[in-house]
């Protein structure tokens, strides 16, 4: 599960898909998730990193991460 190679992102949360011309923005946590996904970090590792860093409930975060990934796939950001 990877962010497509042609997807442009920046540290402020702007995401651009040059294939479709669509652009999106994400919040700071979304930026972190995109950066981790770009590094091919597994969802388990992402959950561990974020839950420790922000002291959030792992079950709740894993559902939110799953929803985020579904959205990225729906918008052709992930392959």
PDB file of N, CA and C in Angstrom:
ATOM      1  N   UNK A   1       0.861  -1.162   0.000  1.00  0.00           N
ATOM      2  CA  UNK A   1       0.000   0.000   0.000  1.00  0.00           C
ATOM      3  C   UNK A   1       0.907   1.225   0.000  1.00  0.00           C
ATOM      4  N   UNK A   2       0.901   1.941  -1.090  1.00  0.00           N
ATOM      5  CA  UNK A   2       1.813   3.073  -1.268  1.00  0.00           C
ATOM      6  C   UNK A   2       1.080   4.304  -1.767  1.00  0.00           C
ATOM      7  N   UNK A   3       1.650   5.446  -1.428  1.00  0.00           N
ATOM      8  CA  UNK A   3       1.215   6.687  -2.059  1.00  0.00           C
ATOM      9  C   UNK A   3       1.756   6.632  -3.484  1.00  0.00           C
ATOM     10  N   UNK A   4       0.923   6.959  -4.459  1.00  0.00           N
ATOM     11  CA  UNK A   4       1.374   6.918  -5.858  1.00  0.00           C
ATOM     12  C   UNK A   4       2.586   7.832  -6.046  1.00  0.00           C
ATOM     13  N   UNK A   5       3.497   7.416  -6.904  1.00  0.00           N
ATOM     14  CA  UNK A   5       4.765   8.129  -7.114  1.00  0.00           C
ATOM     15  C   UNK A   5       4.576   9.546  -7.651  1.00  0.00           C
ATOM     16  N   UNK A   6       3.545   9.758  -8.453  1.00  0.00           N
ATOM     17  CA  UNK A   6       3.363  11.069  -9.081  1.00  0.00           C
ATOM     18  C   UNK A   6       2.617  12.074  -8.199  1.00  0.00           C
ATOM     19  N   UNK A   7       2.235  11.676  -6.997  1.00  0.00           N
ATOM     20  CA  UNK A   7       1.488  12.550  -6.104  1.00  0.00           C
ATOM     21  C   UNK A   7       2.443  13.545  -5.446  1.00  0.00           C
ATOM     22  N   UNK A   8       2.111  14.819  -5.537  1.00  0.00           N
ATOM     23  CA  UNK A   8       2.923  15.870  -4.925  1.00  0.00           C
ATOM     24  C   UNK A   8       2.315  16.237  -3.579  1.00  0.00           C
ATOM     25  N   UNK A   9       3.174  16.351  -2.571  1.00  0.00           N
ATOM     26  CA  UNK A   9       2.722  16.757  -1.239  1.00  0.00           C
ATOM     27  C   UNK A   9       3.684  17.801  -0.686  1.00  0.00           C
ATOM     28  N   UNK A  10       3.205  18.558   0.292  1.00  0.00           N
ATOM     29  CA  UNK A  10       4.123  19.464   0.997  1.00  0.00           C
ATOM     30  C   UNK A  10       3.861  19.382   2.488  1.00  0.00           C
ATOM     31  N   UNK A  11       4.699  20.032   3.255  1.00  0.00           N
ATOM     32  CA  UNK A  11       4.622  19.960   4.718  1.00  0.00           C
ATOM     33  C   UNK A  11       3.427  20.712   5.300  1.00  0.00           C
ATOM     34  N   UNK A  12       2.757  21.509   4.506  1.00  0.00           N
ATOM     35  CA  UNK A  12       1.585  22.242   4.987  1.00  0.00           C
ATOM     36  C   UNK A  12       0.294  21.465   4.778  1.00  0.00           C
ATOM     37  N   UNK A  13       0.370  20.278   4.159  1.00  0.00           N
ATOM     38  CA  UNK A  13      -0.817  19.447   3.994  1.00  0.00           C
ATOM     39  C   UNK A  13      -1.461  19.515   2.634  1.00  0.00           C
ATOM     40  N   UNK A  14      -0.801  20.129   1.670  1.00  0.00           N
ATOM     41  CA  UNK A  14      -1.338  20.203   0.312  1.00  0.00           C
ATOM     42  C   UNK A  14      -0.962  18.930  -0.440  1.00  0.00           C
ATOM     43  N   UNK A  15      -1.948  18.317  -1.089  1.00  0.00           N
ATOM     44  CA  UNK A  15      -1.738  17.107  -1.883  1.00  0.00           C
ATOM     45  C   UNK A  15      -2.268  17.387  -3.284  1.00  0.00           C
ATOM     46  N   UNK A  16      -1.463  17.084  -4.286  1.00  0.00           N
ATOM     47  CA  UNK A  16      -1.854  17.328  -5.681  1.00  0.00           C
ATOM     48  C   UNK A  16      -1.656  16.061  -6.494  1.00  0.00           C
ATOM     49  N   UNK A  17      -2.694  15.695  -7.228  1.00  0.00           N
ATOM     50  CA  UNK A  17      -2.633  14.547  -8.135  1.00  0.00           C
ATOM     51  C   UNK A  17      -2.560  15.082  -9.555  1.00  0.00           C
ATOM     52  N   UNK A  18      -1.367  15.092 -10.173  1.00  0.00           N
ATOM     53  CA  UNK A  18      -1.236  15.651 -11.518  1.00  0.00           C
ATOM     54  C   UNK A  18      -1.971  14.840 -12.588  1.00  0.00           C
ATOM     55  N   UNK A  19      -2.245  13.583 -12.313  1.00  0.00           N
ATOM     56  CA  UNK A  19      -2.965  12.753 -13.284  1.00  0.00           C
ATOM     57  C   UNK A  19      -4.404  13.212 -13.457  1.00  0.00           C
ATOM     58  N   UNK A  20      -5.012  13.684 -12.365  1.00  0.00           N
ATOM     59  CA  UNK A  20      -6.417  14.101 -12.421  1.00  0.00           C
ATOM     60  C   UNK A  20      -6.591  15.608 -12.308  1.00  0.00           C
ATOM     61  N   UNK A  21      -5.557  16.291 -11.807  1.00  0.00           N
ATOM     62  CA  UNK A  21      -5.652  17.729 -11.564  1.00  0.00           C
ATOM     63  C   UNK A  21      -6.308  18.056 -10.238  1.00  0.00           C
ATOM     64  N   UNK A  22      -6.653  17.036  -9.475  1.00  0.00           N
ATOM     65  CA  UNK A  22      -7.303  17.250  -8.178  1.00  0.00           C
ATOM     66  C   UNK A  22      -6.287  17.644  -7.121  1.00  0.00           C
ATOM     67  N   UNK A  23      -6.718  18.493  -6.200  1.00  0.00           N
ATOM     68  CA  UNK A  23      -5.873  18.847  -5.060  1.00  0.00           C
ATOM     69  C   UNK A  23      -6.694  18.703  -3.789  1.00  0.00           C
ATOM     70  N   UNK A  24      -5.990  18.416  -2.725  1.00  0.00           N
ATOM     71  CA  UNK A  24      -6.614  18.169  -1.434  1.00  0.00           C
ATOM     72  C   UNK A  24      -5.751  18.805  -0.359  1.00  0.00           C
ATOM     73  N   UNK A  25      -6.322  18.980   0.812  1.00  0.00           N
ATOM     74  CA  UNK A  25      -5.509  19.411   1.947  1.00  0.00           C
ATOM     75  C   UNK A  25      -5.859  18.533   3.136  1.00  0.00           C
ATOM     76  N   UNK A  26      -4.850  18.299   3.973  1.00  0.00           N
ATOM     77  CA  UNK A  26      -5.030  17.491   5.171  1.00  0.00           C
ATOM     78  C   UNK A  26      -4.496  18.269   6.368  1.00  0.00           C
ATOM     79  N   UNK A  27      -4.938  17.869   7.540  1.00  0.00           N
ATOM     80  CA  UNK A  27      -4.470  18.514   8.768  1.00  0.00           C
ATOM     81  C   UNK A  27      -3.072  18.006   9.127  1.00  0.00           C
ATOM     82  N   UNK A  28      -2.461  18.537  10.187  1.00  0.00           N
ATOM     83  CA  UNK A  28      -1.088  18.121  10.537  1.00  0.00           C
ATOM     84  C   UNK A  28      -0.926  16.614  10.771  1.00  0.00           C
ATOM     85  N   UNK A  29      -1.918  15.965  11.351  1.00  0.00           N
ATOM     86  CA  UNK A  29      -1.823  14.510  11.532  1.00  0.00           C
ATOM     87  C   UNK A  29      -1.867  13.826  10.173  1.00  0.00           C
ATOM     88  N   UNK A  30      -2.699  14.329   9.281  1.00  0.00           N
ATOM     89  CA  UNK A  30      -2.747  13.791   7.914  1.00  0.00           C
ATOM     90  C   UNK A  30      -1.400  13.913   7.223  1.00  0.00           C
ATOM     91  N   UNK A  31      -0.704  15.032   7.458  1.00  0.00           N
ATOM     92  CA  UNK A  31       0.635  15.226   6.886  1.00  0.00           C
ATOM     93  C   UNK A  31       1.574  14.132   7.400  1.00  0.00           C
ATOM     94  N   UNK A  32       1.530  13.889   8.712  1.00  0.00           N
ATOM     95  CA  UNK A  32       2.379  12.838   9.284  1.00  0.00           C
ATOM     96  C   UNK A  32       2.054  11.481   8.686  1.00  0.00           C
ATOM     97  N   UNK A  33       0.763  11.193   8.545  1.00  0.00           N
ATOM     98  CA  UNK A  33       0.361   9.903   7.982  1.00  0.00           C
ATOM     99  C   UNK A  33       0.843   9.752   6.541  1.00  0.00           C
ATOM    100  N   UNK A  34       0.703  10.800   5.747  1.00  0.00           N
ATOM    101  CA  UNK A  34       1.169  10.766   4.355  1.00  0.00           C
ATOM    102  C   UNK A  34       2.678  10.515   4.321  1.00  0.00           C
ATOM    103  N   UNK A  35       3.424  11.206   5.182  1.00  0.00           N
ATOM    104  CA  UNK A  35       4.882  11.024   5.212  1.00  0.00           C
ATOM    105  C   UNK A  35       5.242   9.591   5.586  1.00  0.00           C
ATOM    106  N   UNK A  36       4.553   9.028   6.563  1.00  0.00           N
ATOM    107  CA  UNK A  36       4.818   7.648   6.969  1.00  0.00           C
ATOM    108  C   UNK A  36       4.444   6.665   5.855  1.00  0.00           C
ATOM    109  N   UNK A  37       3.327   6.905   5.201  1.00  0.00           N
ATOM    110  CA  UNK A  37       2.907   6.027   4.108  1.00  0.00           C
ATOM    111  C   UNK A  37       3.883   6.100   2.937  1.00  0.00           C
ATOM    112  N   UNK A  38       4.429   7.293   2.683  1.00  0.00           N
ATOM    113  CA  UNK A  38       5.424   7.439   1.612  1.00  0.00           C
ATOM    114  C   UNK A  38       6.674   6.611   1.893  1.00  0.00           C
ATOM    115  N   UNK A  39       6.965   6.380   3.172  1.00  0.00           N
ATOM    116  CA  UNK A  39       8.133   5.588   3.564  1.00  0.00           C
ATOM    117  C   UNK A  39       7.805   4.096   3.641  1.00  0.00           C
ATOM    118  N   UNK A  40       6.619   3.721   3.169  1.00  0.00           N
ATOM    119  CA  UNK A  40       6.155   2.331   3.209  1.00  0.00           C
ATOM    120  C   UNK A  40       6.070   1.780   4.629  1.00  0.00           C
ATOM    121  N   UNK A  41       5.758   2.638   5.576  1.00  0.00           N
ATOM    122  CA  UNK A  41       5.571   2.213   6.958  1.00  0.00           C
ATOM    123  C   UNK A  41       4.274   1.409   7.042  1.00  0.00           C
ATOM    124  N   UNK A  42       4.310   0.289   7.731  1.00  0.00           N
ATOM    125  CA  UNK A  42       3.111  -0.547   7.855  1.00  0.00           C
ATOM    126  C   UNK A  42       2.068   0.156   8.723  1.00  0.00           C
ATOM    127  N   UNK A  43       0.815  -0.249   8.576  1.00  0.00           N
ATOM    128  CA  UNK A  43      -0.252   0.357   9.377  1.00  0.00           C
ATOM    129  C   UNK A  43      -0.049   0.067  10.860  1.00  0.00           C
ATOM    130  N   UNK A  44       0.485  -1.108  11.183  1.00  0.00           N
ATOM    131  CA  UNK A  44       0.773  -1.416  12.592  1.00  0.00           C
ATOM    132  C   UNK A  44       1.829  -0.468  13.157  1.00  0.00           C
ATOM    133  N   UNK A  45       2.876  -0.225  12.370  1.00  0.00           N
ATOM    134  CA  UNK A  45       3.924   0.703  12.808  1.00  0.00           C
ATOM    135  C   UNK A  45       3.384   2.121  12.928  1.00  0.00           C
ATOM    136  N   UNK A  46       2.554   2.522  11.968  1.00  0.00           N
ATOM    137  CA  UNK A  46       1.950   3.858  12.017  1.00  0.00           C
ATOM    138  C   UNK A  46       1.110   3.999  13.287  1.00  0.00           C
ATOM    139  N   UNK A  47       0.304   2.988  13.581  1.00  0.00           N
ATOM    140  CA  UNK A  47      -0.527   3.023  14.789  1.00  0.00           C
ATOM    141  C   UNK A  47       0.335   3.170  16.036  1.00  0.00           C
ATOM    142  N   UNK A  48       1.403   2.402  16.106  1.00  0.00           N
ATOM    143  CA  UNK A  48       2.301   2.464  17.255  1.00  0.00           C
ATOM    144  C   UNK A  48       2.904   3.860  17.407  1.00  0.00           C
ATOM    145  N   UNK A  49       3.405   4.411  16.309  1.00  0.00           N
ATOM    146  CA  UNK A  49       4.045   5.729  16.330  1.00  0.00           C
ATOM    147  C   UNK A  49       3.065   6.813  16.776  1.00  0.00           C
ATOM    148  N   UNK A  50       1.910   6.862  16.136  1.00  0.00           N
ATOM    149  CA  UNK A  50       0.941   7.929  16.411  1.00  0.00           C
ATOM    150  C   UNK A  50       0.332   7.783  17.806  1.00  0.00           C
ATOM    151  N   UNK A  51       0.001   6.553  18.187  1.00  0.00           N
ATOM    152  CA  UNK A  51      -0.622   6.354  19.506  1.00  0.00           C
ATOM    153  C   UNK A  51       0.328   6.708  20.631  1.00  0.00           C
ATOM    154  N   UNK A  52       1.597   6.409  20.480  1.00  0.00           N
ATOM    155  CA  UNK A  52       2.571   6.787  21.501  1.00  0.00           C
ATOM    156  C   UNK A  52       2.794   8.300  21.521  1.00  0.00           C
ATOM    157  N   UNK A  53       2.912   8.879  20.350  1.00  0.00           N
ATOM    158  CA  UNK A  53       3.203  10.307  20.255  1.00  0.00           C
ATOM    159  C   UNK A  53       2.065  11.164  20.804  1.00  0.00           C
ATOM    160  N   UNK A  54       0.818  10.769  20.511  1.00  0.00           N
ATOM    161  CA  UNK A  54      -0.330  11.602  20.867  1.00  0.00           C
ATOM    162  C   UNK A  54      -1.199  11.014  21.978  1.00  0.00           C
ATOM    163  N   UNK A  55      -0.806   9.866  22.530  1.00  0.00           N
ATOM    164  CA  UNK A  55      -1.557   9.237  23.615  1.00  0.00           C
ATOM    165  C   UNK A  55      -3.041   9.096  23.252  1.00  0.00           C
ATOM    166  N   UNK A  56      -3.295   8.460  22.119  1.00  0.00           N
ATOM    167  CA  UNK A  56      -4.666   8.222  21.675  1.00  0.00           C
ATOM    168  C   UNK A  56      -4.991   6.738  21.794  1.00  0.00           C
ATOM    169  N   UNK A  57      -6.274   6.435  21.877  1.00  0.00           N
ATOM    170  CA  UNK A  57      -6.728   5.049  21.952  1.00  0.00           C
ATOM    171  C   UNK A  57      -6.413   4.334  20.639  1.00  0.00           C
ATOM    172  N   UNK A  58      -5.722   3.218  20.725  1.00  0.00           N
ATOM    173  CA  UNK A  58      -5.270   2.510  19.532  1.00  0.00           C
ATOM    174  C   UNK A  58      -6.445   2.027  18.666  1.00  0.00           C
ATOM    175  N   UNK A  59      -7.481   1.506  19.281  1.00  0.00           N
ATOM    176  CA  UNK A  59      -8.625   0.995  18.512  1.00  0.00           C
ATOM    177  C   UNK A  59      -9.283   2.123  17.730  1.00  0.00           C
ATOM    178  N   UNK A  60      -9.469   3.251  18.384  1.00  0.00           N
ATOM    179  CA  UNK A  60     -10.079   4.412  17.708  1.00  0.00           C
ATOM    180  C   UNK A  60      -9.168   4.889  16.580  1.00  0.00           C
ATOM    181  N   UNK A  61      -7.872   4.996  16.864  1.00  0.00           N
ATOM    182  CA  UNK A  61      -6.946   5.462  15.827  1.00  0.00           C
ATOM    183  C   UNK A  61      -6.906   4.503  14.644  1.00  0.00           C
ATOM    184  N   UNK A  62      -6.874   3.202  14.896  1.00  0.00           N
ATOM    185  CA  UNK A  62      -6.809   2.242  13.788  1.00  0.00           C
ATOM    186  C   UNK A  62      -8.022   2.366  12.873  1.00  0.00           C
ATOM    187  N   UNK A  63      -9.195   2.633  13.447  1.00  0.00           N
ATOM    188  CA  UNK A  63     -10.385   2.842  12.617  1.00  0.00           C
ATOM    189  C   UNK A  63     -10.250   4.138  11.810  1.00  0.00           C
ATOM    190  N   UNK A  64      -9.750   5.191  12.458  1.00  0.00           N
ATOM    191  CA  UNK A  64      -9.539   6.458  11.754  1.00  0.00           C
ATOM    192  C   UNK A  64      -8.509   6.297  10.631  1.00  0.00           C
ATOM    193  N   UNK A  65      -7.443   5.548  10.898  1.00  0.00           N
ATOM    194  CA  UNK A  65      -6.426   5.302   9.877  1.00  0.00           C
ATOM    195  C   UNK A  65      -7.014   4.525   8.707  1.00  0.00           C
ATOM    196  N   UNK A  66      -7.817   3.519   9.006  1.00  0.00           N
ATOM    197  CA  UNK A  66      -8.465   2.744   7.940  1.00  0.00           C
ATOM    198  C   UNK A  66      -9.353   3.653   7.086  1.00  0.00           C
ATOM    199  N   UNK A  67     -10.120   4.526   7.735  1.00  0.00           N
ATOM    200  CA  UNK A  67     -10.987   5.462   7.010  1.00  0.00           C
ATOM    201  C   UNK A  67     -10.153   6.415   6.147  1.00  0.00           C
ATOM    202  N   UNK A  68      -9.029   6.895   6.689  1.00  0.00           N
ATOM    203  CA  UNK A  68      -8.153   7.806   5.956  1.00  0.00           C
ATOM    204  C   UNK A  68      -7.591   7.109   4.712  1.00  0.00           C
ATOM    205  N   UNK A  69      -7.145   5.882   4.867  1.00  0.00           N
ATOM    206  CA  UNK A  69      -6.592   5.126   3.743  1.00  0.00           C
ATOM    207  C   UNK A  69      -7.657   4.874   2.682  1.00  0.00           C
ATOM    208  N   UNK A  70      -8.876   4.576   3.102  1.00  0.00           N
ATOM    209  CA  UNK A  70      -9.977   4.388   2.145  1.00  0.00           C
ATOM    210  C   UNK A  70     -10.195   5.666   1.349  1.00  0.00           C
ATOM    211  N   UNK A  71     -10.156   6.819   2.021  1.00  0.00           N
ATOM    212  CA  UNK A  71     -10.318   8.093   1.320  1.00  0.00           C
ATOM    213  C   UNK A  71      -9.178   8.324   0.331  1.00  0.00           C
ATOM    214  N   UNK A  72      -7.954   8.021   0.744  1.00  0.00           N
ATOM    215  CA  UNK A  72      -6.814   8.181  -0.167  1.00  0.00           C
ATOM    216  C   UNK A  72      -6.974   7.299  -1.405  1.00  0.00           C
ATOM    217  N   UNK A  73      -7.460   6.104  -1.221  1.00  0.00           N
ATOM    218  CA  UNK A  73      -7.700   5.193  -2.356  1.00  0.00           C
ATOM    219  C   UNK A  73      -8.827   5.722  -3.234  1.00  0.00           C
ATOM    220  N   UNK A  74      -9.911   6.205  -2.600  1.00  0.00           N
ATOM    221  CA  UNK A  74     -11.052   6.752  -3.351  1.00  0.00           C
ATOM    222  C   UNK A  74     -10.633   7.935  -4.216  1.00  0.00           C
ATOM    223  N   UNK A  75      -9.683   8.726  -3.720  1.00  0.00           N
ATOM    224  CA  UNK A  75      -9.215   9.909  -4.461  1.00  0.00           C
ATOM    225  C   UNK A  75      -7.987   9.627  -5.312  1.00  0.00           C
ATOM    226  N   UNK A  76      -7.676   8.327  -5.478  1.00  0.00           N
ATOM    227  CA  UNK A  76      -6.568   7.897  -6.346  1.00  0.00           C
ATOM    228  C   UNK A  76      -5.205   8.411  -5.872  1.00  0.00           C
ATOM    229  N   UNK A  77      -5.052   8.601  -4.573  1.00  0.00           N
ATOM    230  CA  UNK A  77      -3.795   9.037  -3.993  1.00  0.00           C
ATOM    231  C   UNK A  77      -2.918   7.808  -3.691  1.00  0.00           C
ATOM    232  N   UNK A  78      -3.575   6.724  -3.314  1.00  0.00           N
ATOM    233  CA  UNK A  78      -2.881   5.469  -3.016  1.00  0.00           C
ATOM    234  C   UNK A  78      -3.194   4.435  -4.085  1.00  0.00           C
ATOM    235  N   UNK A  79      -2.195   3.576  -4.304  1.00  0.00           N
ATOM    236  CA  UNK A  79      -2.384   2.499  -5.274  1.00  0.00           C
ATOM    237  C   UNK A  79      -2.697   1.198  -4.606  1.00  0.00           C
TER     238      UNK A  79
END
